[in-house]
């Protein structure tokens, strides 16, 4: 266990049991949230790379047109 986490747990252990439970619930919820975000967006980089490669290939083939802000 890291030093900072150990210090935080030591300090939390001095709190009343209800506050300790609240901190524990909060920490577990944060860890679960981080796990879900990592799961949802873990492969996003490779998907963006594939889309960028496809766009560059279309441009190389002359299938794209310059952006005209007046036509947006």
Protein backbone atom coordinates (compact mmCIF):
# COMPACT_ATOMS: atom_id res chain seq x y z
CA UNK A 1 0.00 0.00 0.00
CA UNK A 2 1.26 3.45 -0.85
CA UNK A 3 2.29 5.82 1.91
CA UNK A 4 -0.35 8.43 1.18
CA UNK A 5 -3.16 5.89 1.10
CA UNK A 6 -1.89 4.34 4.33
CA UNK A 7 -1.86 7.78 5.97
CA UNK A 8 -5.40 8.51 4.76
CA UNK A 9 -6.65 5.18 6.09
CA UNK A 10 -4.93 5.81 9.41
CA UNK A 11 -6.61 9.21 9.69
CA UNK A 12 -9.99 7.82 8.62
CA UNK A 13 -9.73 5.11 11.28
CA UNK A 14 -9.87 7.88 13.92
CA UNK A 15 -13.32 8.97 12.71
CA UNK A 16 -16.63 7.67 14.05
CA UNK A 17 -17.76 4.40 12.43
CA UNK A 18 -20.52 6.06 10.39
CA UNK A 19 -18.02 8.46 8.81
CA UNK A 20 -15.60 5.61 8.16
CA UNK A 21 -18.38 3.74 6.35
CA UNK A 22 -19.20 6.83 4.29
CA UNK A 23 -15.56 7.24 3.26
CA UNK A 24 -15.32 3.55 2.41
CA UNK A 25 -18.48 3.70 0.29
CA UNK A 26 -17.23 6.83 -1.49
CA UNK A 27 -13.83 5.30 -2.24
CA UNK A 28 -15.32 2.07 -3.56
CA UNK A 29 -17.76 4.02 -5.76
CA UNK A 30 -14.87 6.11 -7.16
CA UNK A 31 -12.83 3.00 -7.94
CA UNK A 32 -15.80 1.37 -9.68
CA UNK A 33 -16.44 4.54 -11.67
CA UNK A 34 -12.83 4.65 -12.83
CA UNK A 35 -13.00 0.98 -13.82
CA UNK A 36 -16.16 1.60 -15.88
CA UNK A 37 -14.65 4.64 -17.64
CA UNK A 38 -11.50 2.69 -18.46
CA UNK A 39 -13.61 -0.16 -19.82
CA UNK A 40 -15.80 2.15 -21.92
CA UNK A 41 -13.02 4.26 -23.38
CA UNK A 42 -10.08 1.87 -23.28
CA UNK A 43 -10.31 1.10 -26.99
CA UNK A 44 -11.28 4.60 -28.08
CA UNK A 45 -7.74 5.45 -29.20
CA UNK A 46 -7.58 2.56 -31.66
CA UNK A 47 -11.03 3.40 -33.04
CA UNK A 48 -9.98 7.02 -33.60
CA UNK A 49 -6.79 5.86 -35.30
CA UNK A 50 -8.81 3.67 -37.69
CA UNK A 51 -11.15 6.57 -38.52
CA UNK A 52 -8.19 8.90 -39.09
CA UNK A 53 -6.50 6.34 -41.35
CA UNK A 54 -9.71 5.93 -43.35
CA UNK A 55 -10.07 9.71 -43.71
CA UNK A 56 -6.47 10.07 -44.88
CA UNK A 57 -6.95 7.26 -47.40
CA UNK A 58 -10.11 8.92 -48.77
CA UNK A 59 -8.22 12.21 -49.06
CA UNK A 60 -5.32 10.50 -50.86
CA UNK A 61 -7.85 9.04 -53.32
CA UNK A 62 -9.27 12.50 -54.04
CA UNK A 63 -12.61 11.70 -52.40
CA UNK A 64 -12.63 14.73 -50.11
CA UNK A 65 -13.42 18.40 -50.66
CA UNK A 66 -11.99 21.45 -48.91
CA UNK A 67 -14.02 22.80 -46.02
CA UNK A 68 -15.98 25.94 -46.94
CA UNK A 69 -17.09 27.75 -43.77
CA UNK A 70 -19.68 29.70 -45.78
CA UNK A 71 -21.46 26.46 -46.63
CA UNK A 72 -21.74 25.12 -43.08
